[in-house]
Protein backbone atom coordinates (compact mmCIF):
# COMPACT_ATOMS: atom_id res chain seq x y z
CA MET A 1 0.16 -80.53 24.98
CA THR A 2 -3.00 -81.11 22.95
CA ASP A 3 -4.78 -81.74 26.23
CA PHE A 4 -7.10 -78.88 27.13
CA SER A 5 -6.85 -79.80 30.84
CA ILE A 6 -3.84 -77.51 31.34
CA ILE A 7 -6.24 -74.54 31.10
CA PRO A 8 -8.65 -75.41 33.98
CA LYS A 9 -5.59 -76.52 35.94
CA TYR A 10 -4.70 -72.83 36.28
CA PHE A 11 -8.13 -71.29 35.66
CA PRO A 12 -10.54 -73.55 37.59
CA ASP A 13 -13.51 -71.17 37.55
CA LEU A 14 -14.32 -71.34 33.83
CA THR A 15 -17.99 -71.34 32.87
CA ASN A 16 -19.36 -74.14 30.70
CA ARG A 17 -19.33 -71.77 27.73
CA GLN A 18 -15.70 -70.79 28.28
CA THR A 19 -14.74 -74.45 28.66
CA GLU A 20 -16.34 -75.31 25.33
CA GLN A 21 -14.74 -72.32 23.61
CA PHE A 22 -11.28 -73.25 24.84
CA LYS A 23 -11.84 -76.87 23.80
CA GLU A 24 -12.84 -75.76 20.29
CA LEU A 25 -9.57 -73.90 19.74
CA HIS A 26 -7.57 -76.98 18.78
CA ALA A 27 -9.91 -78.06 15.97
CA LEU A 28 -10.29 -74.48 14.72
CA TYR A 29 -6.57 -73.78 14.58
CA THR A 30 -5.83 -77.21 13.10
CA HIS A 31 -8.30 -76.40 10.31
CA TRP A 32 -7.12 -72.86 9.58
CA ASN A 33 -3.43 -73.55 10.12
CA ALA A 34 -3.55 -76.12 7.32
CA GLN A 35 -4.63 -73.32 4.97
CA ILE A 36 -2.84 -70.28 6.38
CA ASN A 37 0.22 -70.98 8.49
CA VAL A 38 -0.16 -68.88 11.66
CA ILE A 39 1.31 -71.38 14.12
CA SER A 40 4.43 -73.47 13.64
CA ARG A 41 3.33 -76.94 12.49
CA LYS A 42 5.35 -78.62 15.26
CA ASP A 43 3.71 -76.31 17.81
CA MET A 44 0.17 -77.44 17.05
CA ASP A 45 0.63 -80.41 19.42
CA ASN A 46 1.50 -77.88 22.12
CA LEU A 47 -1.22 -75.36 21.31
CA TYR A 48 -2.70 -75.18 24.81
CA GLU A 49 0.60 -74.82 26.65
CA LYS A 50 2.71 -72.72 24.27
CA HIS A 51 0.00 -70.48 22.84
CA VAL A 52 -3.22 -70.50 24.88
CA LEU A 53 -1.82 -70.72 28.41
CA HIS A 54 1.11 -68.49 27.48
CA SER A 55 -1.38 -65.84 26.33
CA LEU A 56 -3.30 -66.23 29.59
CA GLY A 57 -0.17 -65.33 31.54
CA ILE A 58 -1.36 -61.74 31.07
CA ALA A 59 -4.55 -62.64 32.93
CA LYS A 60 -2.53 -63.77 35.96
CA VAL A 61 -0.75 -60.42 36.05
CA CYS A 62 -3.84 -58.28 35.43
CA PRO A 63 -7.34 -59.81 35.33
CA PHE A 64 -9.32 -57.33 33.24
CA THR A 65 -12.47 -55.88 34.76
CA SER A 66 -15.74 -55.39 32.87
CA GLY A 67 -15.55 -52.63 30.28
CA THR A 68 -11.77 -52.71 29.83
CA GLU A 69 -10.62 -51.86 26.29
CA ILE A 70 -7.61 -53.85 25.08
CA LEU A 71 -5.58 -53.49 21.87
CA ASP A 72 -3.62 -56.58 20.72
CA VAL A 73 -0.80 -55.47 18.39
CA GLY A 74 0.67 -57.97 15.93
CA THR A 75 -1.85 -60.58 16.99
CA GLY A 76 -0.88 -63.07 14.26
CA GLY A 77 -3.47 -65.83 14.43
CA GLY A 78 -5.06 -64.31 17.53
CA PHE A 79 -2.57 -64.54 20.38
CA PRO A 80 -2.80 -63.34 23.06
CA GLY A 81 -6.14 -61.71 22.14
CA ILE A 82 -8.40 -64.71 21.45
CA PRO A 83 -7.66 -66.64 24.69
CA LEU A 84 -7.98 -63.42 26.70
CA ALA A 85 -11.28 -62.59 25.00
CA ILE A 86 -12.66 -66.00 25.98
CA LEU A 87 -11.55 -65.52 29.58
CA PHE A 88 -12.85 -61.94 29.84
CA PRO A 89 -16.14 -61.76 27.88
CA GLU A 90 -17.04 -58.42 29.49
CA ALA A 91 -13.88 -56.73 28.18
CA GLN A 92 -13.46 -55.50 24.60
CA PHE A 93 -10.60 -56.61 22.36
CA HIS A 94 -9.28 -54.99 19.18
CA LEU A 95 -6.88 -57.38 17.41
CA MET A 96 -4.60 -55.90 14.76
CA ASP A 97 -2.02 -57.32 12.38
CA SER A 98 -0.35 -55.96 9.26
CA ILE A 99 -0.77 -59.33 7.47
CA GLY A 100 -4.26 -59.71 6.07
CA LYS A 101 -4.39 -63.51 5.86
CA LYS A 102 -3.62 -63.76 9.59
CA ILE A 103 -6.49 -61.41 10.37
CA LYS A 104 -8.74 -63.62 8.25
CA VAL A 105 -7.94 -66.51 10.62
CA VAL A 106 -8.68 -64.30 13.63
CA GLN A 107 -12.03 -63.30 12.16
CA GLU A 108 -12.99 -66.88 11.34
CA VAL A 109 -12.01 -68.18 14.79
CA ALA A 110 -13.81 -65.34 16.58
CA THR A 111 -16.94 -65.95 14.48
CA ALA A 112 -16.89 -69.70 15.11
CA LEU A 113 -16.57 -69.11 18.86
CA GLU A 114 -19.23 -66.37 18.79
CA LEU A 115 -16.85 -63.92 20.44
CA THR A 116 -18.84 -60.71 20.23
CA ASN A 117 -16.15 -58.84 22.18
CA VAL A 118 -13.51 -59.19 19.44
CA ARG A 119 -12.86 -56.80 16.57
CA ALA A 120 -10.15 -57.78 14.08
CA GLN A 121 -8.44 -55.31 11.73
CA HIS A 122 -5.83 -55.62 8.99
CA GLU A 123 -3.71 -52.57 9.71
CA ARG A 124 -0.49 -51.40 11.33
CA ALA A 125 -0.59 -50.55 15.02
CA GLU A 126 0.02 -46.85 14.41
CA LYS A 127 -3.33 -46.69 12.60
CA ALA A 128 -5.38 -48.01 15.55
CA ASP A 129 -8.39 -45.74 15.78
CA GLY A 130 -9.33 -46.14 19.43
CA ILE A 131 -8.27 -45.24 22.95
CA TYR A 132 -7.41 -48.21 25.14
CA ASP A 133 -6.79 -49.15 28.74
CA PHE A 134 -4.15 -51.73 27.87
CA VAL A 135 -2.06 -52.71 24.87
CA VAL A 136 -1.00 -56.36 24.80
CA SER A 137 1.34 -58.21 22.48
CA ARG A 138 3.51 -61.28 22.19
CA ALA A 139 7.08 -60.38 21.24
CA VAL A 140 6.41 -58.77 17.87
CA THR A 141 9.54 -56.61 18.12
CA ARG A 142 11.89 -55.04 20.65
CA LEU A 143 10.03 -53.11 23.30
CA SER A 144 11.48 -49.67 22.52
CA PRO A 145 10.15 -49.36 18.93
CA PHE A 146 6.92 -51.02 20.05
CA MET A 147 6.34 -48.24 22.58
CA SER A 148 6.65 -45.64 19.82
CA TRP A 149 3.93 -47.38 17.80
CA ILE A 150 1.31 -47.17 20.50
CA GLN A 151 2.01 -43.86 22.23
CA ASN A 152 -1.02 -41.57 22.62
CA LYS A 153 -3.45 -44.52 22.45
CA PHE A 154 -4.18 -44.81 26.18
CA SER A 155 -7.18 -43.78 28.24
CA LYS A 156 -6.43 -41.70 31.33
CA ASN A 157 -9.12 -43.48 33.38
CA HIS A 158 -7.66 -46.31 35.47
CA PHE A 159 -9.94 -48.98 36.95
CA ASN A 160 -7.97 -52.25 36.86
CA ARG A 161 -5.54 -53.83 39.32
CA LEU A 162 -2.73 -52.21 37.37
CA ASP A 163 -2.77 -48.71 35.93
CA ASN A 164 -3.29 -48.56 32.18
CA GLY A 165 -0.28 -49.48 30.09
CA VAL A 166 1.50 -52.17 28.06
CA LEU A 167 1.49 -55.89 28.97
CA TYR A 168 4.10 -57.52 26.75
CA LEU A 169 4.86 -61.25 26.61
CA LYS A 170 8.60 -61.80 26.19
CA GLY A 171 11.18 -64.52 26.81
CA GLY A 172 14.87 -64.89 27.47
CA ASP A 173 17.38 -62.36 28.81
CA LEU A 174 15.70 -58.96 28.65
CA GLU A 175 18.22 -56.79 30.52
CA GLU A 176 19.63 -55.03 27.44
CA GLU A 177 16.26 -54.63 25.75
CA LEU A 178 14.59 -53.21 28.84
CA ALA A 179 17.44 -50.74 29.33
CA GLU A 180 16.47 -49.16 26.01
CA VAL A 181 13.09 -48.15 27.45
CA LYS A 182 13.73 -45.09 29.61
CA ARG A 183 10.64 -45.32 31.75
CA THR A 184 9.12 -47.24 34.65
CA LYS A 185 8.60 -50.95 34.01
CA LYS A 186 8.04 -54.14 35.95
CA VAL A 187 8.78 -57.73 34.95
CA PHE A 188 6.56 -60.60 36.07
CA ASP A 189 8.03 -64.12 35.79
CA LEU A 190 5.47 -66.61 34.51
CA THR A 191 7.15 -69.30 36.62
CA ASP A 192 5.39 -67.62 39.55
CA TYR A 193 2.11 -68.80 38.04
CA PHE A 194 2.83 -71.85 35.84
CA GLU A 195 5.01 -74.85 36.70
CA GLU A 196 5.73 -76.24 33.20
CA PRO A 197 9.39 -75.99 32.03
CA PHE A 198 8.30 -74.01 28.94
CA PHE A 199 7.67 -70.99 31.17
CA GLU A 200 11.12 -70.91 32.81
CA THR A 201 12.26 -67.97 30.68
CA LYS A 202 8.85 -66.45 29.91
CA LYS A 203 7.80 -63.11 31.34
CA VAL A 204 5.18 -60.37 31.16
CA VAL A 205 6.74 -56.92 30.92
CA TYR A 206 4.46 -54.20 32.25
CA VAL A 207 5.06 -50.59 31.26
CA PRO A 208 2.53 -48.21 32.83
CA ASN A 209 1.38 -45.28 30.74
CA LYS A 210 2.66 -42.39 32.80
């Protein structure tokens, strides 16, 4: 769906600035994707549903309060970090990817949107230099190795709806993968929030940092 209207359908309280920023995403990603392929070409027509709204599924599970520090691991072209940064301008986002040209796209998009709450870095997750309330990601690898990358990167101060931890966008049958992670976890079905068929198998996996 190229139509931006799917965003205010589920997030009706956007400010004028947020509305304009979300609307600008299609032109920005069309421009940069033609030079550096960060989104499947066939997916560009479905940018708002399959990338922007999908990213915002995390916001339905845990709306970040002011001052929250979030690390986005393997952000690619900026998902889920860029849509979340638009929605939560009072939270701080550190977007990381091991592929430099993808980070260039993130930097250019963030600059064009004047997102002062976004920092982009070309580096592996293990080298993240901060302490965070949440780590977010969109299916960069199986959850078990992912957890080993970001251990010891969490603040011990909790002030959001959920305690600090990982919010991981995944799809499909996760039973085997989740069994590999020997700790508390909770799965949120995105069909509880979004009615489009695309979300039938999409989930947010939450692993608190205990």
